[in-house]
Amino acid sequence: MSIDELLNQLETQPDQIDFASVITAIEVHYDYTPQAFSNGVNGSSVSNPAGTNEGSCKVFAFAQLHNLSEFQTLKLFGEHYRKVLATPDETDHANIRAFMRHGWEGIQFDAPALQAKAV
């Protein structure tokens, strides 16, 4: 899937997005360098050392590069976001739950995680 196709699906069929396809599209079009990142504010944050929660790292980095809204970013998590919506009292998917509470204000990367691959 091209990046344009992914972004089009995000606009036209956001509820049909699956996480694996998003990650595959990112990996095809970007070089990834694991980075530490935090997600949250005011002592209510999820700390992610480099090399952990790499799916979340890739999605947040991709969404930042493309200036996506918080809503669009959450939709990129596909079935994982839909599960969080269906189970608001559970504690799994901590990065999705933290982003739902704090949005872009809470995302801090140590360094860029993605760089577009040479064409």
Protein backbone atom coordinates (compact mmCIF):
# COMPACT_ATOMS: atom_id res chain seq x y z
CA MET A 1 0.00 0.00 0.00
CA SER A 2 1.34 3.42 -0.89
CA ILE A 3 1.32 6.27 1.61
CA ASP A 4 -1.28 8.05 -0.53
CA GLU A 5 -3.48 4.95 -0.44
CA LEU A 6 -3.13 4.72 3.34
CA LEU A 7 -3.98 8.39 3.80
CA ASN A 8 -6.93 8.02 1.43
CA GLN A 9 -8.21 5.03 3.41
CA LEU A 10 -7.81 7.08 6.57
CA GLU A 11 -10.14 9.69 5.06
CA THR A 12 -12.66 7.42 3.37
CA GLN A 13 -12.71 4.17 5.38
CA PRO A 14 -11.03 4.81 8.73
CA ASP A 15 -12.91 1.99 10.46
CA GLN A 16 -11.52 -0.52 7.95
CA ILE A 17 -7.88 0.17 8.77
CA ASP A 18 -5.92 -2.72 10.23
CA PHE A 19 -2.78 -2.17 12.25
CA ALA A 20 -0.61 -4.68 10.38
CA SER A 21 -1.27 -2.92 7.05
CA VAL A 22 -0.33 0.43 8.57
CA ILE A 23 2.94 -0.95 9.94
CA THR A 24 3.73 -2.63 6.62
CA ALA A 25 3.14 0.62 4.70
CA ILE A 26 5.38 2.51 7.10
CA GLU A 27 8.14 -0.10 6.86
CA VAL A 28 8.01 -0.14 3.05
CA HIS A 29 8.34 3.63 2.73
CA TYR A 30 10.43 4.68 5.75
CA ASP A 31 13.68 3.74 7.41
CA TYR A 32 13.03 3.22 11.11
CA THR A 33 15.41 3.93 13.96
CA PRO A 34 14.13 2.85 17.39
CA GLN A 35 13.74 5.86 19.66
CA ALA A 36 12.67 6.37 23.24
CA PHE A 37 9.45 8.32 23.57
CA SER A 38 7.05 9.38 26.27
CA ASN A 39 3.31 9.63 26.00
CA GLY A 40 1.43 11.73 28.54
CA VAL A 41 1.73 14.77 30.79
CA ASN A 42 1.74 15.78 34.44
CA GLY A 43 3.08 12.55 35.88
CA SER A 44 0.53 10.50 33.97
CA SER A 45 2.73 9.26 31.18
CA VAL A 46 3.85 6.04 29.57
CA SER A 47 7.63 5.79 29.20
CA ASN A 48 8.80 3.81 26.16
CA PRO A 49 12.53 2.99 26.03
CA ALA A 50 14.05 2.69 22.54
CA GLY A 51 13.19 -0.67 21.03
CA THR A 52 9.96 -1.14 22.99
CA ASN A 53 6.43 -0.51 21.77
CA GLU A 54 7.83 -0.09 18.28
CA GLY A 55 4.42 -0.22 16.62
CA SER A 56 3.29 2.78 18.64
CA CYS A 57 6.59 4.52 17.95
CA LYS A 58 6.17 4.02 14.20
CA VAL A 59 2.54 5.15 14.17
CA PHE A 60 3.15 8.28 16.25
CA ALA A 61 6.24 9.21 14.21
CA PHE A 62 4.36 8.67 10.93
CA ALA A 63 1.39 10.70 12.12
CA GLN A 64 3.66 13.56 13.18
CA LEU A 65 5.41 13.58 9.80
CA HIS A 66 2.05 13.82 8.06
CA ASN A 67 0.52 16.34 10.49
CA LEU A 68 -2.37 14.03 11.28
CA SER A 69 -5.00 14.95 13.83
CA GLU A 70 -5.35 13.04 17.07
CA PHE A 71 -8.46 11.32 15.70
CA GLN A 72 -6.67 10.28 12.50
CA THR A 73 -3.69 9.05 14.49
CA LEU A 74 -5.87 6.88 16.70
CA LYS A 75 -7.54 5.39 13.63
CA LEU A 76 -4.11 4.20 12.44
CA PHE A 77 -4.05 1.79 15.38
CA GLY A 78 -6.90 -0.06 13.67
CA GLU A 79 -8.36 -2.96 15.62
CA HIS A 80 -6.34 -2.04 18.72
CA TYR A 81 -8.03 1.38 18.93
CA ARG A 82 -11.42 -0.20 18.33
CA LYS A 83 -10.77 -2.63 21.20
CA VAL A 84 -9.82 0.24 23.52
CA LEU A 85 -13.07 2.01 22.62
CA ALA A 86 -15.02 -1.16 23.39
CA THR A 87 -13.23 -1.74 26.73
CA PRO A 88 -12.74 1.68 28.37
CA ASP A 89 -12.10 0.27 31.85
CA GLU A 90 -9.27 -2.07 30.86
CA THR A 91 -5.59 -1.14 31.04
CA ASP A 92 -4.12 -2.77 27.92
CA HIS A 93 -2.82 -0.67 25.02
CA ALA A 94 -1.39 1.93 27.40
CA ASN A 95 -0.02 4.15 24.61
CA ILE A 96 -3.40 4.38 22.88
CA ARG A 97 -5.16 5.13 26.16
CA ALA A 98 -2.59 7.79 27.13
CA PHE A 99 -2.84 9.42 23.69
CA MET A 100 -6.63 9.50 24.00
CA ARG A 101 -6.23 11.46 27.26
CA HIS A 102 -3.32 13.75 26.38
CA GLY A 103 -3.12 13.93 22.59
CA TRP A 104 -0.14 15.42 20.81
CA GLU A 105 0.76 17.49 23.85
CA GLY A 106 1.96 14.29 25.52
CA ILE A 107 4.12 12.83 22.73
CA GLN A 108 7.84 13.50 23.06
CA PHE A 109 10.50 11.66 21.03
CA ASP A 110 14.20 11.67 21.92
CA ALA A 111 15.01 11.92 18.18
CA PRO A 112 13.22 11.30 14.86
CA ALA A 113 12.23 7.65 14.40
CA LEU A 114 11.37 7.69 10.69
CA GLN A 115 13.08 8.92 7.57
CA ALA A 116 11.60 8.56 4.10
CA LYS A 117 13.45 5.98 2.03
CA ALA A 118 15.25 7.18 -1.06
CA VAL A 119 13.11 6.69 -4.14
